[in-house]
Amino acid sequence: MNMKLLKKVEELTLYLIEKDKEIKDLKNSQQAQINALKTEMKLLKQNPNH
């Protein structure tokens, strides 16, 4: 019984590590998109006729 529980804890720990990495990757991607939009907004404000 203890080995089954230990195995399950290990599986859940690995799952959480994987999900944490996915969240970090998504946050980085989202931040890159935000930065790109901020840059685009600055350019549009500098040249509103374009």
N, C-alpha and C. Protein backbone atom coordinates (compact mmCIF):
# COMPACT_ATOMS: atom_id res chain seq x y z
N MET A 1 0.82 -1.20 0.00
CA MET A 1 0.00 0.00 0.00
C MET A 1 0.87 1.26 0.00
N ASN A 2 1.88 1.29 0.84
CA ASN A 2 2.75 2.46 0.90
C ASN A 2 3.49 2.69 -0.42
N MET A 3 3.87 1.62 -1.08
CA MET A 3 4.57 1.76 -2.36
C MET A 3 3.63 2.35 -3.42
N LYS A 4 2.37 1.93 -3.39
CA LYS A 4 1.40 2.49 -4.33
C LYS A 4 1.22 3.98 -4.09
N LEU A 5 1.14 4.37 -2.83
CA LEU A 5 0.98 5.78 -2.50
C LEU A 5 2.21 6.57 -2.90
N LEU A 6 3.38 6.00 -2.64
CA LEU A 6 4.63 6.67 -3.00
C LEU A 6 4.71 6.85 -4.52
N LYS A 7 4.32 5.83 -5.25
CA LYS A 7 4.32 5.89 -6.71
C LYS A 7 3.37 6.99 -7.19
N LYS A 8 2.19 7.05 -6.58
CA LYS A 8 1.20 8.04 -6.97
C LYS A 8 1.70 9.46 -6.66
N VAL A 9 2.33 9.64 -5.52
CA VAL A 9 2.89 10.94 -5.16
C VAL A 9 3.95 11.34 -6.17
N GLU A 10 4.77 10.39 -6.56
CA GLU A 10 5.81 10.67 -7.56
C GLU A 10 5.18 11.08 -8.89
N GLU A 11 4.16 10.36 -9.32
CA GLU A 11 3.48 10.69 -10.57
C GLU A 11 2.87 12.09 -10.51
N LEU A 12 2.22 12.39 -9.40
CA LEU A 12 1.59 13.70 -9.26
C LEU A 12 2.63 14.81 -9.20
N THR A 13 3.73 14.55 -8.56
CA THR A 13 4.81 15.53 -8.49
C THR A 13 5.35 15.83 -9.88
N LEU A 14 5.60 14.79 -10.66
CA LEU A 14 6.09 14.98 -12.03
C LEU A 14 5.06 15.70 -12.89
N TYR A 15 3.79 15.38 -12.67
CA TYR A 15 2.72 16.04 -13.40
C TYR A 15 2.70 17.54 -13.07
N LEU A 16 2.82 17.86 -11.80
CA LEU A 16 2.82 19.26 -11.39
C LEU A 16 4.03 20.02 -11.93
N ILE A 17 5.17 19.38 -11.96
CA ILE A 17 6.37 20.00 -12.52
C ILE A 17 6.14 20.31 -14.00
N GLU A 18 5.54 19.36 -14.71
CA GLU A 18 5.26 19.55 -16.14
C GLU A 18 4.27 20.70 -16.35
N LYS A 19 3.22 20.74 -15.54
CA LYS A 19 2.22 21.80 -15.67
C LYS A 19 2.82 23.16 -15.31
N ASP A 20 3.68 23.20 -14.33
CA ASP A 20 4.35 24.44 -13.95
C ASP A 20 5.18 24.97 -15.10
N LYS A 21 5.88 24.07 -15.79
CA LYS A 21 6.68 24.48 -16.94
C LYS A 21 5.78 25.01 -18.06
N GLU A 22 4.65 24.35 -18.28
CA GLU A 22 3.71 24.81 -19.30
C GLU A 22 3.20 26.20 -18.98
N ILE A 23 2.89 26.44 -17.71
CA ILE A 23 2.40 27.76 -17.30
C ILE A 23 3.47 28.81 -17.51
N LYS A 24 4.70 28.50 -17.14
CA LYS A 24 5.80 29.46 -17.34
C LYS A 24 5.99 29.76 -18.82
N ASP A 25 5.92 28.74 -19.66
CA ASP A 25 6.07 28.94 -21.10
C ASP A 25 4.94 29.82 -21.65
N LEU A 26 3.72 29.58 -21.19
CA LEU A 26 2.58 30.38 -21.64
C LEU A 26 2.73 31.83 -21.18
N LYS A 27 3.19 32.02 -19.95
CA LYS A 27 3.39 33.38 -19.44
C LYS A 27 4.45 34.10 -20.27
N ASN A 28 5.52 33.41 -20.60
CA ASN A 28 6.57 34.03 -21.42
C ASN A 28 6.05 34.40 -22.79
N SER A 29 5.28 33.50 -23.38
CA SER A 29 4.70 33.76 -24.70
C SER A 29 3.74 34.95 -24.63
N GLN A 30 2.93 34.97 -23.60
CA GLN A 30 1.98 36.06 -23.43
C GLN A 30 2.70 37.39 -23.23
N GLN A 31 3.76 37.37 -22.44
CA GLN A 31 4.52 38.60 -22.21
C GLN A 31 5.16 39.09 -23.50
N ALA A 32 5.65 38.16 -24.32
CA ALA A 32 6.23 38.56 -25.61
C ALA A 32 5.18 39.21 -26.49
N GLN A 33 3.97 38.66 -26.48
CA GLN A 33 2.89 39.25 -27.27
C GLN A 33 2.53 40.63 -26.75
N ILE A 34 2.48 40.79 -25.44
CA ILE A 34 2.19 42.09 -24.84
C ILE A 34 3.25 43.10 -25.24
N ASN A 35 4.50 42.70 -25.17
CA ASN A 35 5.59 43.60 -25.55
C ASN A 35 5.50 44.00 -27.02
N ALA A 36 5.17 43.05 -27.88
CA ALA A 36 5.03 43.35 -29.30
C ALA A 36 3.89 44.34 -29.53
N LEU A 37 2.78 44.16 -28.82
CA LEU A 37 1.65 45.07 -28.98
C LEU A 37 1.98 46.46 -28.45
N LYS A 38 2.73 46.52 -27.35
CA LYS A 38 3.14 47.82 -26.82
C LYS A 38 4.02 48.56 -27.82
N THR A 39 4.93 47.83 -28.44
CA THR A 39 5.80 48.43 -29.45
C THR A 39 4.99 48.92 -30.63
N GLU A 40 4.04 48.12 -31.06
CA GLU A 40 3.18 48.51 -32.18
C GLU A 40 2.36 49.74 -31.84
N MET A 41 1.85 49.81 -30.62
CA MET A 41 1.08 50.98 -30.19
C MET A 41 1.94 52.24 -30.19
N LYS A 42 3.17 52.12 -29.72
CA LYS A 42 4.07 53.27 -29.72
C LYS A 42 4.31 53.78 -31.13
N LEU A 43 4.54 52.85 -32.05
CA LEU A 43 4.76 53.24 -33.44
C LEU A 43 3.54 53.91 -34.04
N LEU A 44 2.36 53.39 -33.73
CA LEU A 44 1.13 53.98 -34.25
C LEU A 44 0.90 55.37 -33.67
N LYS A 45 1.24 55.55 -32.41
CA LYS A 45 1.07 56.87 -31.79
C LYS A 45 2.05 57.89 -32.38
N GLN A 46 3.23 57.42 -32.75
CA GLN A 46 4.23 58.31 -33.34
C GLN A 46 3.84 58.71 -34.76
N ASN A 47 3.18 57.82 -35.47
CA ASN A 47 2.80 58.08 -36.85
C ASN A 47 1.33 57.71 -37.05
N PRO A 48 0.42 58.55 -36.58
CA PRO A 48 -1.01 58.21 -36.64
C PRO A 48 -1.59 58.15 -38.04
N ASN A 49 -0.92 58.74 -39.02
CA ASN A 49 -1.45 58.71 -40.39
C ASN A 49 -1.14 57.41 -41.12
N HIS A 50 -0.34 56.57 -40.52
CA HIS A 50 0.08 55.35 -41.19
C HIS A 50 -0.80 54.19 -40.85
